[in-house]
Structure formats: C-alpha cells, structure tokens
N, C-alpha and C. Protein backbone atom coordinates (compact mmCIF):
# COMPACT_ATOMS: atom_id res chain seq x y z
N MET A 1 1.49 -14.07 -3.93
CA MET A 1 0.29 -13.18 -3.40
C MET A 1 0.02 -12.18 -4.32
N THR A 2 -1.31 -12.15 -4.73
CA THR A 2 -1.72 -11.23 -5.75
C THR A 2 -2.47 -10.03 -5.11
N ALA A 3 -1.99 -8.80 -5.65
CA ALA A 3 -2.51 -7.51 -4.93
C ALA A 3 -3.73 -7.05 -5.80
N GLU A 4 -4.76 -6.95 -5.06
CA GLU A 4 -6.06 -6.19 -5.65
C GLU A 4 -6.42 -5.13 -5.01
N ILE A 5 -6.43 -3.91 -5.43
CA ILE A 5 -6.69 -2.59 -4.89
C ILE A 5 -8.12 -2.19 -5.42
N ASN A 6 -8.77 -1.98 -4.33
CA ASN A 6 -10.08 -1.21 -4.80
C ASN A 6 -10.41 -0.06 -3.84
N PHE A 7 -10.33 1.20 -4.69
CA PHE A 7 -10.52 2.45 -4.12
C PHE A 7 -11.99 2.86 -4.33
N THR A 8 -12.74 3.53 -3.45
CA THR A 8 -13.95 4.10 -3.66
C THR A 8 -13.64 5.58 -4.40
N PHE A 9 -14.60 6.07 -5.06
CA PHE A 9 -14.53 7.50 -5.71
C PHE A 9 -14.09 8.32 -4.62
N GLU A 10 -14.72 8.33 -3.31
CA GLU A 10 -14.35 9.39 -2.35
C GLU A 10 -12.96 9.19 -1.86
N GLU A 11 -12.45 7.93 -1.61
CA GLU A 11 -11.16 7.76 -1.28
C GLU A 11 -10.20 8.33 -2.49
N MET A 12 -10.30 8.39 -3.60
CA MET A 12 -9.48 8.81 -4.59
C MET A 12 -9.66 10.23 -4.65
N TRP A 13 -10.79 10.78 -4.40
CA TRP A 13 -11.05 12.22 -4.39
C TRP A 13 -10.25 12.83 -3.09
N GLU A 14 -10.25 12.29 -2.00
CA GLU A 14 -9.47 12.66 -0.84
C GLU A 14 -7.93 12.78 -1.18
N LYS A 15 -7.61 11.73 -1.90
CA LYS A 15 -5.96 11.67 -2.25
C LYS A 15 -5.69 12.69 -3.23
N ILE A 16 -6.43 13.19 -4.22
CA ILE A 16 -6.08 14.19 -4.97
C ILE A 16 -6.47 15.45 -4.37
N MET A 17 -7.28 15.60 -3.39
CA MET A 17 -7.14 17.03 -2.79
C MET A 17 -6.06 17.22 -1.91
N ALA A 18 -5.51 16.02 -1.34
CA ALA A 18 -4.33 16.28 -0.45
C ALA A 18 -3.13 16.28 -1.42
N CYS A 19 -3.16 16.13 -2.75
CA CYS A 19 -1.85 16.02 -3.56
C CYS A 19 -1.00 15.01 -2.99
N ASP A 20 -1.59 13.58 -2.80
CA ASP A 20 -0.90 12.71 -1.86
C ASP A 20 -0.05 11.76 -2.86
N ARG A 21 1.25 11.95 -3.00
CA ARG A 21 2.24 11.33 -3.99
C ARG A 21 2.30 9.73 -3.68
N LYS A 22 1.82 9.35 -2.49
CA LYS A 22 2.08 7.81 -2.16
C LYS A 22 1.04 7.19 -3.24
N TYR A 23 0.14 7.73 -3.70
CA TYR A 23 -0.87 6.94 -4.68
C TYR A 23 -0.63 7.23 -6.16
N ASP A 24 0.60 7.97 -6.48
CA ASP A 24 0.86 8.21 -7.95
C ASP A 24 1.00 6.82 -8.52
N GLY A 25 0.53 6.56 -9.74
CA GLY A 25 0.59 5.46 -10.57
C GLY A 25 -0.42 4.45 -10.11
N LEU A 26 -1.19 4.61 -8.98
CA LEU A 26 -2.09 3.51 -8.60
C LEU A 26 -3.54 3.99 -9.33
N PHE A 27 -3.77 5.18 -9.67
CA PHE A 27 -4.91 5.75 -10.39
C PHE A 27 -4.70 7.04 -10.95
N PHE A 28 -5.35 7.42 -11.97
CA PHE A 28 -5.14 8.73 -12.59
C PHE A 28 -6.41 9.49 -12.61
N THR A 29 -6.26 10.87 -12.45
CA THR A 29 -7.42 11.71 -12.46
C THR A 29 -7.64 12.27 -13.72
N ALA A 30 -8.81 12.13 -14.26
CA ALA A 30 -9.19 12.68 -15.58
C ALA A 30 -10.11 13.86 -15.42
N VAL A 31 -10.01 14.82 -16.24
CA VAL A 31 -10.92 15.96 -15.93
C VAL A 31 -11.49 16.18 -17.11
N LYS A 32 -13.03 16.04 -17.29
CA LYS A 32 -13.79 15.97 -18.40
C LYS A 32 -13.56 17.36 -19.28
N THR A 33 -13.59 18.29 -18.34
CA THR A 33 -13.62 19.78 -19.25
C THR A 33 -12.45 20.08 -19.91
N THR A 34 -11.41 19.68 -19.36
CA THR A 34 -10.02 19.93 -20.15
C THR A 34 -9.42 18.65 -20.83
N LYS A 35 -10.13 17.47 -20.80
CA LYS A 35 -9.47 16.24 -21.39
C LYS A 35 -8.13 16.01 -21.03
N ILE A 36 -7.79 16.32 -19.58
CA ILE A 36 -6.44 16.07 -19.37
C ILE A 36 -6.35 14.96 -18.25
N TYR A 37 -5.41 14.09 -17.95
CA TYR A 37 -5.34 13.20 -16.84
C TYR A 37 -3.94 13.57 -16.10
N CYS A 38 -4.01 13.42 -14.85
CA CYS A 38 -3.08 13.65 -14.01
C CYS A 38 -2.60 12.50 -12.82
N ARG A 39 -1.41 12.81 -12.10
CA ARG A 39 -1.24 12.16 -11.18
C ARG A 39 -2.06 12.56 -9.91
N PRO A 40 -2.23 11.66 -8.81
CA PRO A 40 -2.81 12.12 -7.61
C PRO A 40 -2.20 13.36 -7.11
N SER A 41 -0.67 13.51 -7.17
CA SER A 41 -0.23 14.52 -6.58
C SER A 41 0.00 15.76 -7.26
N CYS A 42 -0.50 15.76 -8.41
CA CYS A 42 -0.62 17.05 -9.30
C CYS A 42 -0.89 18.25 -8.42
N ARG A 43 -0.10 19.29 -8.68
CA ARG A 43 -0.33 20.62 -7.85
C ARG A 43 -1.05 21.57 -8.93
N SER A 44 -1.56 21.20 -9.90
CA SER A 44 -2.42 22.16 -10.78
C SER A 44 -3.68 22.44 -9.76
N ARG A 45 -4.49 23.69 -10.17
CA ARG A 45 -5.68 23.70 -9.70
C ARG A 45 -6.71 22.80 -9.79
N LYS A 46 -7.35 22.57 -8.60
CA LYS A 46 -8.33 21.37 -8.47
C LYS A 46 -9.55 21.47 -9.25
N PRO A 47 -9.94 20.48 -9.74
CA PRO A 47 -11.24 20.45 -10.76
C PRO A 47 -12.46 20.41 -9.77
N LYS A 48 -13.48 20.80 -10.51
CA LYS A 48 -14.80 20.59 -9.71
C LYS A 48 -15.01 19.04 -9.58
N LYS A 49 -15.61 18.70 -8.46
CA LYS A 49 -15.94 17.00 -8.21
C LYS A 49 -16.60 16.59 -9.52
N VAL A 50 -17.71 17.32 -9.92
CA VAL A 50 -18.62 16.61 -10.96
C VAL A 50 -17.76 16.38 -12.38
N ASN A 51 -16.54 17.28 -12.54
CA ASN A 51 -16.03 17.12 -13.72
C ASN A 51 -14.98 15.90 -13.65
N VAL A 52 -14.88 15.13 -12.70
CA VAL A 52 -13.76 14.23 -12.28
C VAL A 52 -14.05 12.78 -12.64
N GLU A 53 -13.13 12.09 -13.40
CA GLU A 53 -13.26 10.65 -13.34
C GLU A 53 -12.06 10.01 -13.17
N PHE A 54 -11.92 8.84 -12.74
CA PHE A 54 -10.73 8.10 -12.23
C PHE A 54 -10.40 6.98 -13.17
N TYR A 55 -9.26 6.69 -13.47
CA TYR A 55 -8.86 5.39 -14.25
C TYR A 55 -7.57 4.97 -13.61
N THR A 56 -7.64 3.70 -13.66
CA THR A 56 -6.42 2.88 -13.00
C THR A 56 -5.29 2.63 -13.93
N THR A 57 -5.54 3.13 -15.22
CA THR A 57 -4.22 2.79 -16.03
C THR A 57 -4.14 4.06 -17.01
N ILE A 58 -2.97 4.44 -17.39
CA ILE A 58 -2.79 5.34 -18.39
C ILE A 58 -3.52 4.96 -19.86
N GLN A 59 -3.54 3.78 -20.09
CA GLN A 59 -4.04 3.33 -21.41
C GLN A 59 -5.55 3.44 -21.41
N GLU A 60 -6.12 3.33 -20.26
CA GLU A 60 -7.57 3.56 -20.17
C GLU A 60 -7.87 4.88 -20.28
N ALA A 61 -7.24 5.79 -19.73
CA ALA A 61 -7.44 7.17 -19.72
C ALA A 61 -7.35 7.72 -21.15
N GLU A 62 -6.32 7.32 -21.84
CA GLU A 62 -6.14 7.83 -23.30
C GLU A 62 -7.01 7.18 -24.17
N SER A 63 -7.51 5.99 -23.91
CA SER A 63 -8.53 5.52 -24.86
C SER A 63 -9.67 6.20 -24.88
N ARG A 64 -10.06 7.01 -23.87
CA ARG A 64 -11.18 7.70 -23.56
C ARG A 64 -11.02 9.08 -24.05
N GLY A 65 -9.90 9.36 -24.64
CA GLY A 65 -9.58 10.73 -25.28
C GLY A 65 -8.97 11.65 -24.40
N TYR A 66 -8.26 11.31 -23.22
CA TYR A 66 -7.66 12.25 -22.42
C TYR A 66 -6.18 12.23 -22.70
N ARG A 67 -5.41 13.34 -22.51
CA ARG A 67 -4.10 13.59 -22.82
C ARG A 67 -3.13 13.95 -21.27
N ALA A 68 -1.86 13.63 -21.45
CA ALA A 68 -1.11 13.70 -20.24
C ALA A 68 -1.09 15.23 -19.76
N CYS A 69 -1.02 15.52 -18.44
CA CYS A 69 -0.68 16.82 -18.02
C CYS A 69 0.70 17.19 -18.24
N LYS A 70 0.89 18.17 -18.61
CA LYS A 70 2.05 18.70 -18.90
C LYS A 70 3.08 19.08 -17.74
N ARG A 71 2.10 19.30 -16.45
CA ARG A 71 2.81 19.85 -15.28
C ARG A 71 3.28 18.54 -14.46
N CYS A 72 2.62 17.53 -14.38
CA CYS A 72 3.04 16.35 -13.54
C CYS A 72 3.46 15.10 -14.37
N GLN A 73 3.12 15.23 -15.62
CA GLN A 73 3.75 14.36 -16.57
C GLN A 73 3.39 12.76 -16.11
N PRO A 74 2.27 12.35 -16.05
CA PRO A 74 2.01 10.98 -15.40
C PRO A 74 2.27 9.98 -16.40
N GLU A 75 2.64 10.14 -17.58
CA GLU A 75 3.03 9.13 -18.46
C GLU A 75 4.58 8.82 -18.37
N THR A 76 5.17 9.39 -17.59
CA THR A 76 6.86 9.30 -17.51
C THR A 76 7.23 8.64 -16.26
N GLU A 77 8.25 7.84 -16.25
CA GLU A 77 8.76 7.10 -15.03
C GLU A 77 10.05 7.80 -14.83
N HIS A 78 10.34 7.98 -13.54
CA HIS A 78 11.83 8.78 -13.37
C HIS A 78 12.86 7.85 -12.99
N SER A 79 12.70 6.58 -12.69
CA SER A 79 13.88 5.73 -12.26
C SER A 79 13.58 4.29 -12.54
N PRO A 80 14.67 3.73 -12.73
CA PRO A 80 14.44 2.19 -12.91
C PRO A 80 13.90 1.36 -11.87
N ASN A 81 13.96 1.99 -10.63
CA ASN A 81 13.29 1.22 -9.34
C ASN A 81 11.77 1.62 -9.32
N VAL A 82 11.21 2.29 -10.11
CA VAL A 82 9.90 2.91 -10.01
C VAL A 82 8.89 1.64 -9.92
N GLU A 83 9.24 0.72 -11.02
CA GLU A 83 8.22 -0.34 -11.19
C GLU A 83 8.19 -1.19 -9.94
N VAL A 84 9.47 -1.60 -9.57
CA VAL A 84 9.58 -2.52 -8.41
C VAL A 84 8.74 -1.81 -7.10
N VAL A 85 9.03 -0.58 -6.73
CA VAL A 85 8.58 0.09 -5.79
C VAL A 85 6.92 0.15 -5.86
N ARG A 86 6.41 0.43 -7.23
CA ARG A 86 5.14 0.48 -7.31
C ARG A 86 4.38 -0.96 -7.07
N ARG A 87 5.00 -2.02 -7.28
CA ARG A 87 4.47 -3.42 -7.04
C ARG A 87 4.48 -3.53 -5.54
N VAL A 88 5.40 -2.95 -4.97
CA VAL A 88 5.29 -3.12 -3.41
C VAL A 88 4.38 -2.25 -2.75
N ILE A 89 4.18 -1.13 -3.43
CA ILE A 89 3.19 -0.22 -2.81
C ILE A 89 1.63 -0.91 -3.14
N ASP A 90 1.57 -1.61 -4.46
CA ASP A 90 0.45 -2.32 -4.59
C ASP A 90 0.02 -3.35 -3.49
N LEU A 91 1.03 -4.08 -3.15
CA LEU A 91 0.96 -5.09 -1.91
C LEU A 91 0.70 -4.52 -0.60
N LEU A 92 1.27 -3.32 -0.34
CA LEU A 92 0.77 -2.56 0.80
C LEU A 92 -0.65 -2.17 1.08
N LEU A 93 -0.89 -1.60 -0.11
CA LEU A 93 -2.43 -1.11 -0.14
C LEU A 93 -3.47 -2.23 -0.15
N ALA A 94 -3.08 -3.26 -0.75
CA ALA A 94 -4.00 -4.43 -0.95
C ALA A 94 -4.23 -5.22 0.27
N TYR A 95 -3.01 -5.23 1.10
CA TYR A 95 -3.05 -6.03 2.39
C TYR A 95 -2.71 -5.19 3.65
N HIS A 96 -3.02 -3.91 3.54
CA HIS A 96 -2.85 -3.02 4.50
C HIS A 96 -3.45 -3.55 6.03
N ASN A 97 -4.55 -4.13 5.94
CA ASN A 97 -5.26 -4.98 7.20
C ASN A 97 -4.75 -6.02 7.62
N ARG A 98 -3.55 -6.67 7.07
CA ARG A 98 -3.00 -7.93 7.41
C ARG A 98 -1.68 -7.55 8.24
N LYS A 99 -1.11 -8.40 8.89
CA LYS A 99 0.15 -8.24 9.57
C LYS A 99 1.40 -8.52 8.43
N LEU A 100 2.06 -7.48 8.20
CA LEU A 100 3.07 -7.69 7.10
C LEU A 100 4.51 -7.53 7.55
N ASN A 101 5.62 -8.15 7.43
CA ASN A 101 6.85 -7.86 7.94
C ASN A 101 7.62 -7.61 6.53
N LEU A 102 8.89 -7.15 6.83
CA LEU A 102 9.67 -6.56 5.76
C LEU A 102 10.10 -7.94 4.91
N GLU A 103 10.26 -9.05 5.52
CA GLU A 103 10.71 -10.37 4.90
C GLU A 103 9.78 -10.63 3.88
N GLU A 104 8.44 -10.62 4.34
CA GLU A 104 7.56 -11.08 3.35
C GLU A 104 7.35 -10.08 2.23
N ILE A 105 7.34 -8.79 2.55
CA ILE A 105 7.28 -7.82 1.56
C ILE A 105 8.36 -7.85 0.44
N ALA A 106 9.68 -8.21 0.94
CA ALA A 106 10.83 -8.23 0.17
C ALA A 106 10.78 -9.60 -0.58
N SER A 107 10.17 -10.60 -0.25
CA SER A 107 10.07 -11.80 -1.04
C SER A 107 8.96 -11.66 -2.12
N HIS A 108 7.96 -10.82 -1.75
CA HIS A 108 7.04 -10.60 -2.89
C HIS A 108 7.70 -9.72 -4.13
N ALA A 109 8.67 -8.89 -3.75
CA ALA A 109 9.41 -8.08 -4.69
C ALA A 109 10.63 -8.77 -5.35
N GLY A 110 10.86 -9.96 -4.87
CA GLY A 110 12.03 -10.67 -5.25
C GLY A 110 13.41 -10.11 -4.95
N LEU A 111 13.48 -9.44 -3.69
CA LEU A 111 14.71 -8.85 -3.40
C LEU A 111 14.97 -9.04 -1.81
N SER A 112 16.16 -8.77 -1.64
CA SER A 112 16.60 -8.95 -0.32
C SER A 112 16.02 -7.81 0.81
N PRO A 113 15.49 -8.11 1.91
CA PRO A 113 14.96 -6.96 2.84
C PRO A 113 15.64 -5.69 2.77
N SER A 114 17.06 -5.83 3.08
CA SER A 114 17.89 -4.57 3.14
C SER A 114 18.05 -3.81 1.95
N TYR A 115 18.10 -4.57 0.72
CA TYR A 115 18.03 -3.75 -0.57
C TYR A 115 16.75 -3.28 -0.86
N LEU A 116 15.66 -3.79 -0.47
CA LEU A 116 14.28 -3.27 -0.79
C LEU A 116 14.14 -2.08 -0.01
N ASP A 117 14.61 -2.19 1.19
CA ASP A 117 14.40 -1.00 2.29
C ASP A 117 15.22 0.30 1.80
N ARG A 118 16.21 0.03 1.43
CA ARG A 118 17.03 1.10 0.65
C ARG A 118 16.59 1.77 -0.57
N ILE A 119 16.06 0.92 -1.56
CA ILE A 119 15.54 1.59 -2.82
C ILE A 119 14.16 2.22 -2.56
N PHE A 120 13.51 1.34 -1.70
CA PHE A 120 12.15 2.09 -1.38
C PHE A 120 12.37 3.49 -0.67
N LYS A 121 13.32 3.65 0.16
CA LYS A 121 13.39 4.95 0.71
C LYS A 121 13.92 5.89 -0.10
N GLN A 122 14.92 5.57 -1.25
CA GLN A 122 15.25 6.36 -2.22
C GLN A 122 14.11 6.92 -3.15
N GLU A 123 12.99 6.08 -3.46
CA GLU A 123 12.21 6.39 -4.28
C GLU A 123 10.83 7.38 -3.54
N THR A 124 10.59 6.96 -2.33
CA THR A 124 9.34 7.63 -1.56
C THR A 124 9.86 8.41 -0.37
N GLY A 125 11.09 8.43 0.25
CA GLY A 125 11.50 8.89 1.24
C GLY A 125 10.90 8.29 2.57
N GLU A 126 10.40 7.15 2.34
CA GLU A 126 9.89 6.33 3.52
C GLU A 126 10.50 4.90 3.44
N THR A 127 10.42 4.13 4.42
CA THR A 127 10.59 2.79 4.81
C THR A 127 9.23 2.17 4.41
N PRO A 128 9.41 0.80 3.87
CA PRO A 128 8.04 -0.01 3.64
C PRO A 128 7.26 0.15 4.88
N ARG A 129 7.78 -0.06 6.09
CA ARG A 129 7.02 -0.02 7.28
C ARG A 129 6.36 1.22 7.58
N SER A 130 7.06 2.37 7.44
CA SER A 130 6.54 3.72 7.73
C SER A 130 5.40 4.04 6.71
N PHE A 131 5.64 3.63 5.44
CA PHE A 131 4.76 3.91 4.34
C PHE A 131 3.52 3.08 4.62
N LEU A 132 3.62 1.82 5.10
CA LEU A 132 2.34 1.07 5.45
C LEU A 132 1.62 1.66 6.53
N GLU A 133 2.24 2.25 7.50
CA GLU A 133 1.63 2.88 8.55
C GLU A 133 0.90 4.17 8.18
N LYS A 134 1.36 4.97 7.19
CA LYS A 134 0.61 6.06 6.64
C LYS A 134 -0.62 5.50 5.74
N ILE A 135 -0.45 4.50 5.09
CA ILE A 135 -1.64 4.02 4.25
C ILE A 135 -2.73 3.56 5.38
N ARG A 136 -2.32 2.93 6.33
CA ARG A 136 -3.29 2.61 7.56
C ARG A 136 -4.03 3.77 8.29
N VAL A 137 -3.25 4.86 8.28
CA VAL A 137 -3.86 6.06 8.93
C VAL A 137 -4.89 6.84 7.96
N ASP A 138 -4.52 6.75 6.49
CA ASP A 138 -5.16 7.28 5.69
C ASP A 138 -6.59 6.53 5.56
N LYS A 139 -6.62 5.09 5.72
CA LYS A 139 -7.76 4.29 5.60
C LYS A 139 -8.42 4.53 6.75
N ALA A 140 -7.84 4.75 8.07
CA ALA A 140 -8.54 5.07 9.42
C ALA A 140 -9.33 6.45 9.32
N ALA A 141 -8.64 7.34 8.57
CA ALA A 141 -9.34 8.80 8.64
C ALA A 141 -10.51 8.77 7.65
N HIS A 142 -10.23 7.87 6.59
CA HIS A 142 -11.62 7.94 5.69
C HIS A 142 -12.82 7.12 6.57
N LEU A 143 -12.38 6.05 7.14
CA LEU A 143 -13.48 5.32 7.92
C LEU A 143 -14.22 6.32 9.02
N LEU A 144 -13.16 7.13 9.69
CA LEU A 144 -13.88 8.11 10.70
C LEU A 144 -14.74 9.13 10.05
N LYS A 145 -14.38 9.42 8.74
CA LYS A 145 -15.13 10.53 8.19
C LYS A 145 -16.39 10.00 7.56
N HIS A 146 -16.36 8.86 7.15
CA HIS A 146 -17.61 8.35 6.23
C HIS A 146 -18.24 7.19 7.04
N THR A 147 -18.03 6.68 8.24
CA THR A 147 -18.74 5.58 8.91
C THR A 147 -19.01 5.97 10.11
N GLU A 148 -19.83 5.34 10.92
CA GLU A 148 -20.05 5.29 12.24
C GLU A 148 -19.38 4.43 13.18
N ASN A 149 -18.56 3.65 12.49
CA ASN A 149 -17.73 2.56 13.24
C ASN A 149 -17.02 3.25 14.44
N THR A 150 -16.94 2.29 15.59
CA THR A 150 -15.98 2.82 16.72
C THR A 150 -14.60 2.96 16.38
N ASN A 151 -13.97 3.63 17.12
CA ASN A 151 -12.43 3.83 17.05
C ASN A 151 -11.91 2.15 16.97
N LEU A 152 -12.32 1.56 18.08
CA LEU A 152 -11.58 0.16 18.00
C LEU A 152 -11.86 -0.47 16.76
N GLU A 153 -13.05 -0.74 16.27
CA GLU A 153 -13.35 -1.34 14.98
C GLU A 153 -12.41 -0.76 13.96
N ILE A 154 -12.40 0.58 13.82
CA ILE A 154 -11.59 1.19 12.73
C ILE A 154 -10.07 0.95 12.96
N CYS A 155 -9.76 0.75 14.18
CA CYS A 155 -8.29 0.59 14.31
C CYS A 155 -7.93 -0.87 13.69
N TYR A 156 -8.75 -1.99 13.88
CA TYR A 156 -8.37 -3.14 13.15
C TYR A 156 -8.87 -3.20 11.95
N GLU A 157 -9.75 -2.56 11.51
CA GLU A 157 -9.96 -2.62 10.00
C GLU A 157 -9.14 -1.98 9.10
N ALA A 158 -8.45 -1.01 9.75
CA ALA A 158 -7.28 -0.31 8.99
C ALA A 158 -6.06 -1.11 8.96
N GLY A 159 -5.87 -2.09 9.93
CA GLY A 159 -4.78 -2.88 10.06
C GLY A 159 -3.99 -2.99 11.09
N PHE A 160 -3.87 -1.73 12.18
CA PHE A 160 -3.26 -1.68 13.33
C PHE A 160 -3.49 -2.95 14.24
N GLN A 161 -2.30 -3.24 14.84
CA GLN A 161 -2.42 -4.47 15.66
C GLN A 161 -2.62 -4.09 16.97
N SER A 162 -2.66 -2.98 17.37
CA SER A 162 -2.99 -2.32 18.71
C SER A 162 -3.58 -1.15 18.76
N THR A 163 -4.39 -0.71 19.74
CA THR A 163 -4.81 0.53 19.88
C THR A 163 -4.06 1.59 20.27
N SER A 164 -3.05 1.37 21.05
CA SER A 164 -2.20 2.34 21.42
C SER A 164 -1.10 2.75 20.17
N HIS A 165 -0.90 1.75 19.31
CA HIS A 165 -0.07 2.11 18.13
C HIS A 165 -1.05 2.86 17.26
N PHE A 166 -2.20 2.53 17.15
CA PHE A 166 -3.28 3.34 16.18
C PHE A 166 -3.34 4.68 16.67
N TYR A 167 -3.54 5.09 17.98
CA TYR A 167 -3.61 6.50 18.47
C TYR A 167 -2.29 7.15 18.27
N LYS A 168 -1.22 6.64 18.64
CA LYS A 168 0.02 7.24 18.37
C LYS A 168 0.45 7.62 16.82
N ALA A 169 0.10 6.63 15.98
CA ALA A 169 0.25 6.84 14.62
C ALA A 169 -0.57 7.90 14.12
N PHE A 170 -1.85 7.71 14.42
CA PHE A 170 -2.93 8.76 13.93
C PHE A 170 -2.51 10.14 14.37
N ARG A 171 -2.15 10.32 15.52
CA ARG A 171 -1.95 11.62 16.12
C ARG A 171 -0.63 12.34 15.51
N ARG A 172 0.31 11.47 15.06
CA ARG A 172 1.53 11.70 14.70
C ARG A 172 1.41 12.40 13.15
N SER A 173 0.45 11.53 12.39
CA SER A 173 0.36 12.04 11.02
C SER A 173 -0.75 13.12 10.99
N LYS A 174 -1.91 13.19 11.56
CA LYS A 174 -2.87 14.17 11.46
C LYS A 174 -2.85 15.05 12.41
N ASN A 175 -2.16 15.14 13.48
CA ASN A 175 -2.14 16.07 14.60
C ASN A 175 -3.55 16.30 15.19
N PHE A 176 -4.32 15.18 15.19
CA PHE A 176 -5.50 15.00 15.84
C PHE A 176 -5.71 13.58 16.46
N SER A 177 -6.39 13.40 17.57
CA SER A 177 -6.69 12.15 17.99
C SER A 177 -7.80 11.68 17.00
N PRO A 178 -8.04 10.30 16.89
CA PRO A 178 -9.06 9.68 16.19
C PRO A 178 -10.41 10.49 16.57
N SER A 179 -10.81 10.59 17.78
CA SER A 179 -12.00 11.14 18.12
C SER A 179 -12.08 12.59 17.63
N ASP A 180 -11.13 13.33 17.96
CA ASP A 180 -11.03 14.89 17.47
C ASP A 180 -11.32 14.87 16.05
N TYR A 181 -10.46 14.13 15.18
CA TYR A 181 -10.64 14.16 13.80
C TYR A 181 -12.05 13.94 13.36
N ARG A 182 -12.64 13.03 13.94
CA ARG A 182 -14.13 12.71 13.41
C ARG A 182 -14.82 13.74 13.79
N LYS A 183 -14.78 14.38 14.85
CA LYS A 183 -15.70 15.71 15.30
C LYS A 183 -15.34 16.75 14.42
N MET A 184 -14.20 16.95 14.05
CA MET A 184 -13.76 18.13 13.23
C MET A 184 -14.36 17.95 11.95
N THR A 185 -14.21 16.66 11.24
CA THR A 185 -14.68 16.46 9.85
C THR A 185 -16.23 16.48 9.91
N LYS A 186 -16.92 16.10 10.80
CA LYS A 186 -18.37 16.26 10.97
C LYS A 186 -18.88 17.63 11.16
N GLU A 187 -18.19 18.49 11.90
CA GLU A 187 -18.59 19.77 12.09
C GLU A 187 -18.33 20.58 10.69
N LEU A 188 -17.13 20.43 9.90
CA LEU A 188 -16.76 21.01 8.83
C LEU A 188 -17.51 20.65 7.41
N GLY A 189 -17.89 19.43 7.58
CA GLY A 189 -18.46 18.78 6.36
C GLY A 189 -17.53 18.06 5.43
N ASN A 190 -17.91 16.97 4.58
CA ASN A 190 -17.18 16.26 3.81
C ASN A 190 -16.52 17.01 2.75
N ASP A 191 -17.07 18.19 2.39
CA ASP A 191 -16.54 18.93 1.27
C ASP A 191 -15.62 20.15 1.50
N SER A 192 -15.19 20.19 2.95
CA SER A 192 -14.49 21.36 3.48
C SER A 192 -13.19 21.66 2.75
N GLU A 193 -12.46 20.42 2.37
CA GLU A 193 -11.09 20.71 1.75
C GLU A 193 -11.35 21.07 0.49
N TYR A 194 -12.40 20.69 -0.10
CA TYR A 194 -12.51 21.06 -1.57
C TYR A 194 -13.05 22.56 -1.66
N LYS A 195 -13.77 23.02 -0.81
CA LYS A 195 -14.27 24.58 -0.71
C LYS A 195 -12.86 25.24 -0.41
N GLN A 196 -12.03 24.77 0.51
CA GLN A 196 -10.82 25.72 0.77
C GLN A 196 -9.78 25.73 -0.50
N GLN A 197 -9.74 24.58 -1.34
CA GLN A 197 -8.91 24.63 -2.45
C GLN A 197 -9.68 25.74 -3.45
N LEU A 198 -10.90 25.72 -3.37
CA LEU A 198 -11.48 26.73 -4.47
C LEU A 198 -11.32 28.07 -3.89
N ARG A 199 -11.28 28.35 -2.59
CA ARG A 199 -11.06 29.64 -2.19
C ARG A 199 -9.58 30.10 -2.39
N GLU A 200 -8.58 29.10 -2.27
CA GLU A 200 -7.35 29.39 -2.82
C GLU A 200 -6.89 29.72 -4.26
N SER A 201 -7.94 29.02 -5.03
CA SER A 201 -7.62 29.19 -6.47
C SER A 201 -8.43 30.31 -7.01
N SER A 202 -7.91 30.90 -8.00
CA SER A 202 -8.71 31.84 -8.71
C SER A 202 -9.84 31.43 -9.56
N TYR A 203 -9.80 30.04 -10.04
CA TYR A 203 -10.64 29.42 -10.71
C TYR A 203 -10.51 27.90 -10.52
N ALA A 204 -11.56 27.23 -10.81
CA ALA A 204 -11.51 25.73 -10.95
C ALA A 204 -11.75 25.36 -12.36
N ARG A 205 -11.02 24.31 -12.69
CA ARG A 205 -11.17 23.64 -14.05
C ARG A 205 -12.57 22.96 -14.21
C-alpha cells in the first residue's frame, strides 16, 4: 500500500497556526523574509501568510536557500523509532477516509500490532487509533470551514464510519458540535486564528 498525501495550502496553514505536532515531518514551513524553515509545531512567532511557502522535504527547502530553524530544529530526528512512526502517520493521513484496523497498519510497518501500538504511543502520546481519529476530526473541521457540504457528507468524507462516532469525536476534540463549529468559523472569518496570533505577538516575521 503506497501512501500519497496531498495537503492544500490552507490545510497546511491551519496546521502551523495550531502548532500541530501531528504533522511534523510531513511538510515544512519556509518563511521568505527570514529564509528559515520550520516544523509545523514550531512555537516561534507566526509569519505573515503572504511570506509563507511549504515544502514536503528538507532537501527541497534547503535547495531553495532556506536554513533550519534553531528553535524547532526540523533537520534533527530524536529517536530511532521516528522513521517507522512517520511512515505509519503517512499511511493514516493518506487513507484516513478508509476503514483501517491496527493489524493492517502494523502490517504496513512490518511490525506486530502490540509493538507498533507501544512505540507509536511513546513517540506521539497517542495510539494509532486515537491519532487517526484526530486526523479525521482535523479533516472534518477543514471541510466545515471551507465547504458547504452537509454534516453527513463530511462525516463520511473524513473517514468516520458512523454519524454518532463523528459527533462524539468532533465535540471531544474541538469542544463544539460540527454545526456550532461551522457557525463560529463563518462568523469569525477564515483568518481569525491568524489575527489572534498577531495580536498576541509583538511583531510578525
């Protein structure tokens, strides 16, 4: 099974605004004004949207003249299990809208289910199952914010197998129902998180 991940610019922007470490290693944020590239989870002050480029590999970013951020150190790996866990995350992201069980995920990684479960939790603080659920919630949140699809359509497009699971998982993660989340984001506007970050920062890169 070959994992192929395609993020839109807006999806990647949302991840860096949330400093979401789930997506570390899957893409890198490059800031044109500083010529620095970072992990999605980097806690440095956020750049202006117009100054951002995204790259899928470190090599690509560095070939364009960017250097690694000294704060988040995107060029370093912190554990011998990082690469295995990264391959599993690639799979979860690429096939989030399919029914996946732990045995299938472990087979893809070439590990036993119990061993994969253990090292994955050591690296991410989540089991593969809970990690996959959060990926699906993120996808649903993006669709609620940027499309007019119904909650039912979004439920299945994001990969949930039932509406009840979708509603429970979404509320647990976002503290809103899907309908209330959509209403809130429409009222605040798509750039509300960015504006809030600017207010909290003394300046933007």
